[in-house]
Amino acid sequence: MSENRLAVISIIVENRQASAEINGFLSAFGDCIVGRMGIPYKEKNVSVICIVVDAPAETINTLTGKLGMLNGVTAKTLMSKV
């Protein structure tokens, strides 16, 4: 069994049509989400979402990958060493 890691997933949403899919993924992985902050940046017509997760690295990478495959969505992860 993999050890849990603390991570931050940063998401930039340029396509608001992807919002339902983003929320669906976040809901599906809800058990490992510690917190979420979303900021609409109207001047640039984008949204920025930061997700704090506590899960095995494989789970974090899976979520980040699913989000990053959505059209108009960029997702990157910063993972702790602990």
N, C-alpha and C. Protein backbone atom coordinates (compact mmCIF):
# COMPACT_ATOMS: atom_id res chain seq x y z
N MET A 1 0.84 -1.19 0.00
CA MET A 1 0.00 0.00 0.00
C MET A 1 0.88 1.25 0.00
N SER A 2 0.53 2.20 -0.81
CA SER A 2 1.33 3.42 -0.94
C SER A 2 1.09 4.37 0.23
N GLU A 3 2.13 5.09 0.56
CA GLU A 3 2.06 6.08 1.62
C GLU A 3 1.43 7.37 1.09
N ASN A 4 0.62 8.01 1.91
CA ASN A 4 -0.01 9.26 1.50
C ASN A 4 1.01 10.38 1.43
N ARG A 5 0.75 11.30 0.50
CA ARG A 5 1.57 12.50 0.34
C ARG A 5 0.62 13.70 0.39
N LEU A 6 1.15 14.82 0.85
CA LEU A 6 0.41 16.07 0.84
C LEU A 6 0.80 16.80 -0.44
N ALA A 7 -0.18 17.33 -1.15
CA ALA A 7 0.11 17.99 -2.43
C ALA A 7 -0.87 19.13 -2.67
N VAL A 8 -0.45 20.03 -3.55
CA VAL A 8 -1.32 21.10 -4.04
C VAL A 8 -1.45 20.92 -5.54
N ILE A 9 -2.68 20.85 -6.01
CA ILE A 9 -2.93 20.79 -7.45
C ILE A 9 -3.43 22.17 -7.86
N SER A 10 -2.71 22.80 -8.78
CA SER A 10 -3.10 24.12 -9.29
C SER A 10 -3.74 23.93 -10.65
N ILE A 11 -4.90 24.53 -10.82
CA ILE A 11 -5.68 24.36 -12.05
C ILE A 11 -5.99 25.73 -12.62
N ILE A 12 -5.71 25.92 -13.90
CA ILE A 12 -6.11 27.14 -14.60
C ILE A 12 -7.16 26.73 -15.63
N VAL A 13 -8.32 27.36 -15.53
CA VAL A 13 -9.45 27.02 -16.40
C VAL A 13 -9.67 28.16 -17.39
N GLU A 14 -9.38 27.90 -18.65
CA GLU A 14 -9.61 28.88 -19.71
C GLU A 14 -10.92 28.61 -20.43
N ASN A 15 -11.49 27.43 -20.23
CA ASN A 15 -12.73 27.03 -20.88
C ASN A 15 -13.78 26.74 -19.82
N ARG A 16 -14.67 27.67 -19.58
CA ARG A 16 -15.68 27.50 -18.52
C ARG A 16 -16.61 26.33 -18.80
N GLN A 17 -16.67 25.88 -20.05
CA GLN A 17 -17.52 24.73 -20.39
C GLN A 17 -17.03 23.46 -19.69
N ALA A 18 -15.78 23.46 -19.25
CA ALA A 18 -15.21 22.29 -18.58
C ALA A 18 -15.55 22.23 -17.09
N SER A 19 -16.25 23.23 -16.59
CA SER A 19 -16.52 23.32 -15.15
C SER A 19 -17.24 22.10 -14.59
N ALA A 20 -18.24 21.59 -15.31
CA ALA A 20 -18.98 20.43 -14.82
C ALA A 20 -18.08 19.21 -14.72
N GLU A 21 -17.22 19.01 -15.70
CA GLU A 21 -16.30 17.87 -15.67
C GLU A 21 -15.27 18.03 -14.54
N ILE A 22 -14.77 19.24 -14.37
CA ILE A 22 -13.82 19.50 -13.27
C ILE A 22 -14.47 19.16 -11.94
N ASN A 23 -15.66 19.68 -11.72
CA ASN A 23 -16.35 19.43 -10.46
C ASN A 23 -16.67 17.95 -10.28
N GLY A 24 -16.95 17.25 -11.38
CA GLY A 24 -17.19 15.81 -11.31
C GLY A 24 -15.96 15.05 -10.84
N PHE A 25 -14.79 15.40 -11.40
CA PHE A 25 -13.55 14.76 -10.98
C PHE A 25 -13.25 15.08 -9.52
N LEU A 26 -13.42 16.34 -9.13
CA LEU A 26 -13.13 16.73 -7.75
C LEU A 26 -14.08 16.02 -6.78
N SER A 27 -15.30 15.84 -7.18
CA SER A 27 -16.26 15.12 -6.34
C SER A 27 -15.87 13.65 -6.22
N ALA A 28 -15.45 13.05 -7.33
CA ALA A 28 -15.06 11.64 -7.33
C ALA A 28 -13.85 11.39 -6.44
N PHE A 29 -12.96 12.37 -6.34
CA PHE A 29 -11.76 12.26 -5.51
C PHE A 29 -11.93 13.00 -4.19
N GLY A 30 -13.16 13.30 -3.81
CA GLY A 30 -13.45 14.12 -2.63
C GLY A 30 -12.90 13.59 -1.32
N ASP A 31 -12.74 12.27 -1.20
CA ASP A 31 -12.24 11.71 0.05
C ASP A 31 -10.81 12.13 0.36
N CYS A 32 -10.05 12.50 -0.67
CA CYS A 32 -8.65 12.87 -0.43
C CYS A 32 -8.43 14.39 -0.46
N ILE A 33 -9.49 15.16 -0.72
CA ILE A 33 -9.35 16.62 -0.78
C ILE A 33 -9.45 17.22 0.61
N VAL A 34 -8.42 17.96 0.99
CA VAL A 34 -8.37 18.62 2.29
C VAL A 34 -9.03 19.99 2.21
N GLY A 35 -8.80 20.70 1.10
CA GLY A 35 -9.36 22.04 0.94
C GLY A 35 -9.31 22.47 -0.51
N ARG A 36 -10.11 23.47 -0.81
CA ARG A 36 -10.21 23.97 -2.18
C ARG A 36 -10.43 25.47 -2.15
N MET A 37 -9.73 26.18 -3.06
CA MET A 37 -9.93 27.61 -3.20
C MET A 37 -10.06 27.92 -4.69
N GLY A 38 -11.09 28.61 -5.07
CA GLY A 38 -11.29 28.99 -6.46
C GLY A 38 -11.37 30.50 -6.59
N ILE A 39 -10.69 31.03 -7.60
CA ILE A 39 -10.66 32.47 -7.81
C ILE A 39 -11.01 32.77 -9.27
N PRO A 40 -12.13 33.43 -9.51
CA PRO A 40 -12.41 33.86 -10.89
C PRO A 40 -11.60 35.11 -11.20
N TYR A 41 -10.86 35.08 -12.28
CA TYR A 41 -10.03 36.22 -12.68
C TYR A 41 -10.68 36.80 -13.93
N LYS A 42 -11.67 37.66 -13.71
CA LYS A 42 -12.51 38.18 -14.79
C LYS A 42 -11.74 38.98 -15.83
N GLU A 43 -10.72 39.71 -15.40
CA GLU A 43 -9.95 40.53 -16.34
C GLU A 43 -9.26 39.68 -17.41
N LYS A 44 -8.89 38.45 -17.06
CA LYS A 44 -8.22 37.54 -17.99
C LYS A 44 -9.16 36.47 -18.52
N ASN A 45 -10.41 36.46 -18.04
CA ASN A 45 -11.42 35.48 -18.45
C ASN A 45 -10.97 34.05 -18.15
N VAL A 46 -10.36 33.84 -16.99
CA VAL A 46 -9.96 32.52 -16.55
C VAL A 46 -10.35 32.35 -15.08
N SER A 47 -10.29 31.10 -14.63
CA SER A 47 -10.46 30.80 -13.21
C SER A 47 -9.24 30.04 -12.74
N VAL A 48 -8.85 30.28 -11.50
CA VAL A 48 -7.73 29.58 -10.90
C VAL A 48 -8.27 28.82 -9.70
N ILE A 49 -7.95 27.52 -9.65
CA ILE A 49 -8.40 26.67 -8.55
C ILE A 49 -7.18 26.02 -7.93
N CYS A 50 -7.10 26.04 -6.60
CA CYS A 50 -6.04 25.35 -5.87
C CYS A 50 -6.68 24.30 -4.99
N ILE A 51 -6.21 23.07 -5.12
CA ILE A 51 -6.75 21.95 -4.36
C ILE A 51 -5.63 21.37 -3.49
N VAL A 52 -5.87 21.24 -2.20
CA VAL A 52 -4.93 20.58 -1.30
C VAL A 52 -5.42 19.15 -1.11
N VAL A 53 -4.55 18.17 -1.39
CA VAL A 53 -4.94 16.77 -1.30
C VAL A 53 -3.97 16.00 -0.40
N ASP A 54 -4.47 14.95 0.21
CA ASP A 54 -3.69 14.04 1.04
C ASP A 54 -4.04 12.64 0.55
N ALA A 55 -3.15 12.05 -0.25
CA ALA A 55 -3.45 10.77 -0.89
C ALA A 55 -2.15 10.13 -1.39
N PRO A 56 -2.21 8.87 -1.79
CA PRO A 56 -1.03 8.26 -2.41
C PRO A 56 -0.66 9.02 -3.70
N ALA A 57 0.63 9.03 -4.03
CA ALA A 57 1.11 9.75 -5.21
C ALA A 57 0.37 9.31 -6.47
N GLU A 58 0.07 8.03 -6.58
CA GLU A 58 -0.63 7.53 -7.78
C GLU A 58 -2.00 8.17 -7.92
N THR A 59 -2.70 8.33 -6.81
CA THR A 59 -4.03 8.94 -6.83
C THR A 59 -3.94 10.42 -7.22
N ILE A 60 -2.96 11.12 -6.65
CA ILE A 60 -2.77 12.53 -6.97
C ILE A 60 -2.44 12.70 -8.45
N ASN A 61 -1.56 11.85 -8.96
CA ASN A 61 -1.19 11.92 -10.38
C ASN A 61 -2.36 11.59 -11.29
N THR A 62 -3.19 10.65 -10.88
CA THR A 62 -4.37 10.30 -11.67
C THR A 62 -5.32 11.49 -11.77
N LEU A 63 -5.61 12.13 -10.63
CA LEU A 63 -6.50 13.28 -10.63
C LEU A 63 -5.93 14.41 -11.49
N THR A 64 -4.65 14.70 -11.30
CA THR A 64 -4.01 15.77 -12.09
C THR A 64 -4.08 15.45 -13.58
N GLY A 65 -3.81 14.22 -13.94
CA GLY A 65 -3.86 13.81 -15.34
C GLY A 65 -5.24 13.95 -15.95
N LYS A 66 -6.26 13.52 -15.21
CA LYS A 66 -7.64 13.63 -15.71
C LYS A 66 -8.02 15.10 -15.93
N LEU A 67 -7.64 15.95 -14.97
CA LEU A 67 -7.96 17.38 -15.10
C LEU A 67 -7.21 17.99 -16.29
N GLY A 68 -5.94 17.66 -16.43
CA GLY A 68 -5.12 18.23 -17.48
C GLY A 68 -5.53 17.80 -18.88
N MET A 69 -6.26 16.70 -19.01
CA MET A 69 -6.71 16.24 -20.32
C MET A 69 -7.94 16.98 -20.82
N LEU A 70 -8.59 17.74 -19.95
CA LEU A 70 -9.78 18.48 -20.35
C LEU A 70 -9.38 19.66 -21.25
N ASN A 71 -10.19 19.93 -22.24
CA ASN A 71 -9.95 21.03 -23.17
C ASN A 71 -10.00 22.37 -22.44
N GLY A 72 -8.95 23.17 -22.58
CA GLY A 72 -8.92 24.49 -21.96
C GLY A 72 -8.59 24.48 -20.48
N VAL A 73 -8.02 23.35 -20.00
CA VAL A 73 -7.68 23.23 -18.58
C VAL A 73 -6.21 22.83 -18.46
N THR A 74 -5.48 23.52 -17.60
CA THR A 74 -4.10 23.18 -17.30
C THR A 74 -4.03 22.83 -15.82
N ALA A 75 -3.39 21.69 -15.50
CA ALA A 75 -3.27 21.26 -14.11
C ALA A 75 -1.84 20.82 -13.83
N LYS A 76 -1.29 21.29 -12.72
CA LYS A 76 0.07 20.92 -12.30
C LYS A 76 0.03 20.62 -10.80
N THR A 77 0.95 19.77 -10.37
CA THR A 77 0.98 19.36 -8.97
C THR A 77 2.33 19.68 -8.33
N LEU A 78 2.26 20.13 -7.09
CA LEU A 78 3.44 20.29 -6.26
C LEU A 78 3.24 19.33 -5.08
N MET A 79 4.15 18.35 -4.95
CA MET A 79 4.00 17.31 -3.95
C MET A 79 5.04 17.46 -2.85
N SER A 80 4.60 17.25 -1.61
CA SER A 80 5.54 17.32 -0.49
C SER A 80 6.40 16.07 -0.44
N LYS A 81 7.47 16.14 0.32
CA LYS A 81 8.32 14.97 0.51
C LYS A 81 7.83 14.10 1.67
N VAL A 82 6.86 14.58 2.42
CA VAL A 82 6.33 13.83 3.57
C VAL A 82 4.99 13.21 3.27
